[in-house]
Amino acid sequence: MDFTTNRLKNLPVTTSFPDAICSLTEIENFILDHNPGFYGPIPSCITKLPNLRLLIITDTSLSGSVPNFYNHTNIIGINLARNHLSGTIPPSLSTLPNLNYLDLSSNYLTGTIPPGLVHGSRPSLVLKNNNLTGEIPNCYGWVDFQIIILGNNRLSGDASFLFGKQKKTVNIELNNNDFEFDFSKVEFSEYIYGFDLSHNKIYGEVPESFATAAGLYFPKLSFNRLCGELPQGGNMWRFNSEVFANNACLCGNPLPPCSISAPAPAPVSGSGF
């Protein structure tokens, strides 16, 4: 029997979180998956398990706050997605020097995104489907993410620094927020595979680097304030009109041909669609 991993899955129980977790001092991987009968808070003692490397608690009815971890050097991954957690994201998570993967998606979290939540090479940050507000901390512009997924929140400001010609990020999802920045200044790397910027307030033109990003297959730019003629050639043959739909005045294949039109609209702070 492997005492380093505790896996609880699809157990037909209705109970609060078992206190026995506090005695599992040798455990390295704790996985509690798809147990909607579990309710109540996650016990704080889970943060004191000295050998814990991976904490996965998903698809339960657990509520309360995200546990406060402090300076835990062994933890490399935390996934608390699809629970009933509320409150803010604890800044203490930024003290975990080896945390490379953090997923707090599909909860009821509020407040802002603390800086420095993930570390190491090509980290992943998934915070989609919450009620987070404010701007993305500028320090994340220096992080070469594997993926960063922040869709379906109420975030705002300039998120263009997540892109870059030298970045190796493969997927960026910022859809259904209030981000507002000039898309014409964004540069794309050969590594970007997909991004979703739909349903924001992004303005400007689609840059030429969009058409020359060799790895790009799944972009979404619909429901923004983009304007001007789309770049042609390169990888543009991959994209249909749905990618660019419902913008201010985009034109050119795969959209209708361009005609004389007004310049790209400047951003209007605080306004909606």
Protein backbone atom coordinates (compact mmCIF):
# COMPACT_ATOMS: atom_id res chain seq x y z
CA MET A 1 0.00 0.00 0.00
CA ASP A 2 1.30 3.44 -0.93
CA PHE A 3 1.15 5.60 2.19
CA THR A 4 2.46 8.65 0.32
CA THR A 5 -0.78 9.09 -1.64
CA ASN A 6 -4.30 9.34 -0.29
CA ARG A 7 -6.96 9.26 -3.01
CA LEU A 8 -10.68 9.60 -2.26
CA LYS A 9 -12.89 9.48 -5.33
CA ASN A 10 -16.59 8.97 -5.93
CA LEU A 11 -17.33 7.86 -2.40
CA PRO A 12 -21.12 7.91 -1.73
CA VAL A 13 -20.84 9.83 1.54
CA THR A 14 -22.20 13.02 3.04
CA THR A 15 -19.82 14.27 5.69
CA SER A 16 -17.55 17.08 6.71
CA PHE A 17 -13.86 16.88 5.95
CA PRO A 18 -12.35 14.01 7.99
CA ASP A 19 -10.12 15.16 10.84
CA ALA A 20 -7.94 12.11 10.22
CA ILE A 21 -6.14 14.10 7.55
CA CYS A 22 -4.18 15.78 10.34
CA SER A 23 -2.49 12.50 11.26
CA LEU A 24 -1.25 11.68 7.75
CA THR A 25 2.15 13.23 8.33
CA GLU A 26 3.90 11.06 5.73
CA ILE A 27 1.51 11.83 2.90
CA GLU A 28 2.93 13.47 -0.22
CA ASN A 29 -0.09 13.53 -2.56
CA PHE A 30 -3.62 14.12 -1.32
CA ILE A 31 -6.35 13.72 -3.95
CA LEU A 32 -10.05 14.22 -3.18
CA ASP A 33 -11.94 14.21 -6.47
CA HIS A 34 -15.64 14.38 -7.29
CA ASN A 35 -17.16 13.89 -3.89
CA PRO A 36 -20.10 16.35 -3.74
CA GLY A 37 -21.13 14.95 -0.36
CA PHE A 38 -18.11 16.50 1.35
CA TYR A 39 -19.03 19.84 2.93
CA GLY A 40 -17.67 22.34 5.42
CA PRO A 41 -14.22 23.99 5.45
CA ILE A 42 -10.88 22.50 4.51
CA PRO A 43 -9.13 21.97 7.86
CA SER A 44 -6.19 24.28 8.43
CA CYS A 45 -4.04 21.39 9.61
CA ILE A 46 -3.65 20.31 5.99
CA THR A 47 -1.20 23.18 5.59
CA LYS A 48 1.03 21.68 8.27
CA LEU A 49 1.57 18.29 6.62
CA PRO A 50 5.36 18.43 6.23
CA ASN A 51 5.76 16.16 3.20
CA LEU A 52 2.77 17.35 1.18
CA ARG A 53 3.72 17.98 -2.46
CA LEU A 54 0.41 17.84 -4.31
CA LEU A 55 -3.01 18.89 -2.99
CA ILE A 56 -6.01 18.17 -5.22
CA ILE A 57 -9.53 18.76 -3.89
CA THR A 58 -12.00 19.17 -6.75
CA ASP A 59 -15.74 18.88 -7.39
CA THR A 60 -16.90 18.86 -3.77
CA SER A 61 -19.26 20.96 -1.66
CA LEU A 62 -16.45 22.18 0.57
CA SER A 63 -16.79 25.85 1.50
CA GLY A 64 -14.96 28.45 3.53
CA SER A 65 -11.66 30.02 2.54
CA VAL A 66 -8.60 28.85 0.64
CA PRO A 67 -6.13 27.49 3.23
CA ASN A 68 -3.24 29.74 4.27
CA PHE A 69 0.06 28.08 3.45
CA TYR A 70 3.24 29.71 4.73
CA ASN A 71 6.74 28.93 3.46
CA HIS A 72 5.94 25.30 2.69
CA THR A 73 8.91 24.24 0.59
CA ASN A 74 7.62 20.86 -0.64
CA ILE A 75 4.36 21.86 -2.30
CA ILE A 76 4.56 21.99 -6.10
CA GLY A 77 0.86 21.91 -7.04
CA ILE A 78 -2.51 22.97 -5.59
CA ASN A 79 -5.82 22.31 -7.37
CA LEU A 80 -8.97 23.41 -5.51
CA ALA A 81 -11.19 23.85 -8.57
CA ARG A 82 -14.97 23.51 -8.66
CA ASN A 83 -15.76 23.76 -4.99
CA HIS A 84 -17.72 26.36 -2.98
CA LEU A 85 -14.76 28.30 -1.64
CA SER A 86 -15.17 32.02 -0.98
CA GLY A 87 -13.21 34.99 0.32
CA THR A 88 -9.97 36.27 -1.14
CA ILE A 89 -6.92 34.46 -2.50
CA PRO A 90 -4.49 34.36 0.44
CA PRO A 91 -1.26 36.26 -0.28
CA SER A 92 0.51 33.61 1.78
CA LEU A 93 0.46 31.34 -1.28
CA SER A 94 3.19 33.53 -2.72
CA THR A 95 5.52 32.27 0.04
CA LEU A 96 5.53 28.75 -1.43
CA PRO A 97 8.84 28.83 -3.35
CA ASN A 98 8.20 25.69 -5.41
CA LEU A 99 4.51 26.12 -6.21
CA ASN A 100 4.44 25.66 -9.98
CA TYR A 101 0.74 24.93 -10.56
CA LEU A 102 -2.23 26.68 -8.95
CA ASP A 103 -5.87 26.12 -9.95
CA LEU A 104 -8.59 27.87 -7.92
CA SER A 105 -11.13 28.04 -10.75
CA SER A 106 -14.91 27.81 -10.47
CA ASN A 107 -15.31 28.96 -6.90
CA TYR A 108 -16.71 32.18 -5.39
CA LEU A 109 -13.47 34.01 -4.79
CA THR A 110 -13.38 37.81 -4.60
CA GLY A 111 -10.77 40.53 -4.32
CA THR A 112 -7.61 40.98 -6.34
CA ILE A 113 -4.94 38.59 -7.61
CA PRO A 114 -1.94 38.64 -5.26
CA PRO A 115 1.50 38.94 -6.88
CA GLY A 116 3.90 36.02 -7.07
CA LEU A 117 1.45 33.13 -6.73
CA VAL A 118 3.44 30.66 -8.85
CA HIS A 119 7.15 30.09 -9.32
CA GLY A 120 9.68 28.09 -11.27
CA SER A 121 9.95 27.22 -14.93
CA ARG A 122 6.80 27.53 -17.09
CA PRO A 123 4.26 27.74 -14.23
CA SER A 124 0.50 27.50 -14.69
CA LEU A 125 -2.11 29.78 -13.08
CA VAL A 126 -5.82 29.03 -13.43
CA LEU A 127 -8.31 31.37 -11.70
CA LYS A 128 -11.24 31.40 -14.12
CA ASN A 129 -14.92 31.49 -13.12
CA ASN A 130 -14.66 33.54 -9.94
CA ASN A 131 -15.51 37.15 -8.99
CA LEU A 132 -12.00 38.56 -8.97
CA THR A 133 -11.50 42.29 -9.55
CA GLY A 134 -8.70 44.76 -10.15
CA GLU A 135 -5.69 44.53 -12.42
CA ILE A 136 -3.24 41.70 -13.03
CA PRO A 137 -0.08 42.48 -11.03
CA ASN A 138 2.67 43.82 -13.30
CA CYS A 139 5.12 41.24 -11.97
CA TYR A 140 3.34 38.57 -14.00
CA GLY A 141 4.69 40.23 -17.11
CA TRP A 142 8.09 38.78 -16.17
CA VAL A 143 6.71 35.25 -15.79
CA ASP A 144 6.99 32.85 -18.73
CA PHE A 145 3.79 30.92 -18.07
CA GLN A 146 2.87 27.59 -19.58
CA ILE A 147 -0.77 28.63 -19.32
CA ILE A 148 -2.57 31.50 -17.62
CA ILE A 149 -6.37 31.27 -17.51
CA LEU A 150 -8.33 34.13 -15.90
CA GLY A 151 -11.58 34.17 -17.87
CA ASN A 152 -15.00 34.94 -16.44
CA ASN A 153 -14.04 37.35 -13.70
CA ARG A 154 -14.30 41.13 -13.38
CA LEU A 155 -10.66 41.96 -13.98
CA SER A 156 -9.62 45.19 -15.67
CA GLY A 157 -6.66 47.20 -16.92
CA ASP A 158 -3.88 46.36 -19.35
CA ALA A 159 -3.06 42.67 -19.77
CA SER A 160 -0.95 43.03 -22.91
CA PHE A 161 2.26 42.31 -20.98
CA LEU A 162 1.26 38.63 -20.79
CA PHE A 163 2.09 38.41 -24.50
CA GLY A 164 5.51 38.87 -26.07
CA LYS A 165 7.67 37.75 -28.95
CA GLN A 166 10.04 35.90 -26.63
CA LYS A 167 7.36 34.32 -24.42
CA LYS A 168 6.84 30.54 -24.47
CA THR A 169 3.30 30.67 -23.11
CA VAL A 170 1.00 28.38 -25.11
CA ASN A 171 -2.44 29.45 -23.87
CA ILE A 172 -3.81 32.72 -22.46
CA GLU A 173 -7.50 33.03 -21.57
CA LEU A 174 -8.78 36.43 -20.43
CA ASN A 175 -12.30 36.32 -21.83
CA ASN A 176 -15.35 37.90 -20.19
CA ASN A 177 -13.56 40.57 -18.20
CA ASP A 178 -13.08 44.35 -18.53
CA PHE A 179 -9.56 44.43 -19.93
CA GLU A 180 -8.79 47.51 -22.00
CA PHE A 181 -5.58 47.97 -24.03
CA ASP A 182 -4.25 48.66 -27.53
CA PHE A 183 -4.10 45.33 -29.33
CA SER A 184 -2.02 46.75 -32.18
CA LYS A 185 1.02 46.85 -29.86
CA VAL A 186 0.79 43.17 -28.89
CA GLU A 187 3.48 40.82 -30.24
CA PHE A 188 3.01 37.08 -30.63
CA SER A 189 5.59 34.36 -30.24
CA GLU A 190 5.92 31.19 -32.27
CA TYR A 191 4.88 29.21 -29.19
CA ILE A 192 1.41 30.69 -28.63
CA TYR A 193 -1.17 28.05 -29.54
CA GLY A 194 -4.39 29.67 -28.42
CA PHE A 195 -5.78 32.69 -26.61
CA ASP A 196 -9.23 33.99 -25.73
CA LEU A 197 -9.64 37.75 -25.38
CA SER A 198 -13.32 37.80 -26.29
CA HIS A 199 -15.85 39.97 -24.44
CA ASN A 200 -13.52 42.72 -23.25
CA LYS A 201 -12.86 46.36 -24.23
CA ILE A 202 -9.75 45.84 -26.32
CA TYR A 203 -9.18 48.38 -29.10
CA GLY A 204 -6.76 49.08 -31.95
CA GLU A 205 -5.85 46.94 -34.97
CA VAL A 206 -4.91 43.28 -35.30
CA PRO A 207 -1.09 43.36 -35.64
CA GLU A 208 0.90 41.70 -38.43
CA SER A 209 2.52 39.34 -35.92
CA PHE A 210 -0.90 37.72 -35.51
CA ALA A 211 -0.59 36.37 -39.07
CA THR A 212 3.01 35.20 -38.64
CA ALA A 213 2.64 33.37 -35.30
CA ALA A 214 3.44 29.89 -36.58
CA GLY A 215 1.89 27.97 -33.70
CA LEU A 216 -1.34 29.95 -33.40
CA TYR A 217 -4.47 27.90 -34.12
CA PHE A 218 -7.17 28.92 -31.65
CA PRO A 219 -7.51 32.70 -31.12
CA LYS A 220 -10.71 34.44 -30.04
CA LEU A 221 -11.12 38.21 -30.44
CA SER A 222 -14.88 38.60 -30.74
CA PHE A 223 -16.91 41.24 -28.85
CA ASN A 224 -14.23 43.89 -28.48
CA ARG A 225 -13.55 47.34 -30.05
CA LEU A 226 -11.02 46.36 -32.67
CA CYS A 227 -10.88 48.24 -35.95
CA GLY A 228 -9.01 48.32 -39.25
CA GLU A 229 -8.03 45.83 -41.93
CA LEU A 230 -7.01 42.34 -40.88
CA PRO A 231 -3.51 41.21 -41.84
CA GLN A 232 -3.36 38.84 -44.77
CA GLY A 233 -1.24 35.84 -45.66
CA GLY A 234 0.67 33.71 -43.21
CA ASN A 235 -1.61 31.62 -41.01
CA MET A 236 -4.76 33.71 -41.64
CA TRP A 237 -6.28 30.87 -43.67
CA ARG A 238 -6.78 28.98 -40.39
CA PHE A 239 -9.29 31.47 -38.93
CA ASN A 240 -12.96 31.97 -39.75
CA SER A 241 -15.06 35.09 -39.23
CA GLU A 242 -16.22 33.98 -35.77
CA VAL A 243 -12.72 34.69 -34.43
CA PHE A 244 -13.18 38.42 -35.17
CA ALA A 245 -16.98 38.86 -34.92
CA ASN A 246 -18.68 41.78 -33.18
CA ASN A 247 -15.91 44.34 -33.18
CA ALA A 248 -16.11 48.05 -33.95
CA CYS A 249 -14.94 48.10 -37.57
CA LEU A 250 -12.70 45.17 -38.47
CA CYS A 251 -12.67 44.26 -42.15
CA GLY A 252 -10.85 42.13 -44.69
CA ASN A 253 -10.87 38.40 -45.31
CA PRO A 254 -12.46 36.39 -43.63
CA LEU A 255 -14.66 39.43 -42.83
CA PRO A 256 -16.30 41.61 -45.49
CA PRO A 257 -13.98 43.77 -47.63
CA CYS A 258 -12.79 47.08 -46.26
CA SER A 259 -14.20 50.44 -47.28
CA ILE A 260 -13.45 53.97 -46.15
CA SER A 261 -14.16 54.08 -42.44
CA ALA A 262 -13.39 56.11 -39.36
CA PRO A 263 -10.13 55.61 -37.45
CA ALA A 264 -10.01 53.05 -34.68
CA PRO A 265 -11.98 54.33 -31.67
CA ALA A 266 -10.03 55.37 -28.61
CA PRO A 267 -10.84 53.63 -25.32
CA VAL A 268 -13.61 55.06 -23.19
CA SER A 269 -12.89 54.25 -19.58
CA GLY A 270 -15.75 52.96 -17.53
CA SER A 271 -18.11 52.34 -20.43
CA GLY A 272 -19.66 49.01 -21.35
CA PHE A 273 -20.72 47.50 -24.60
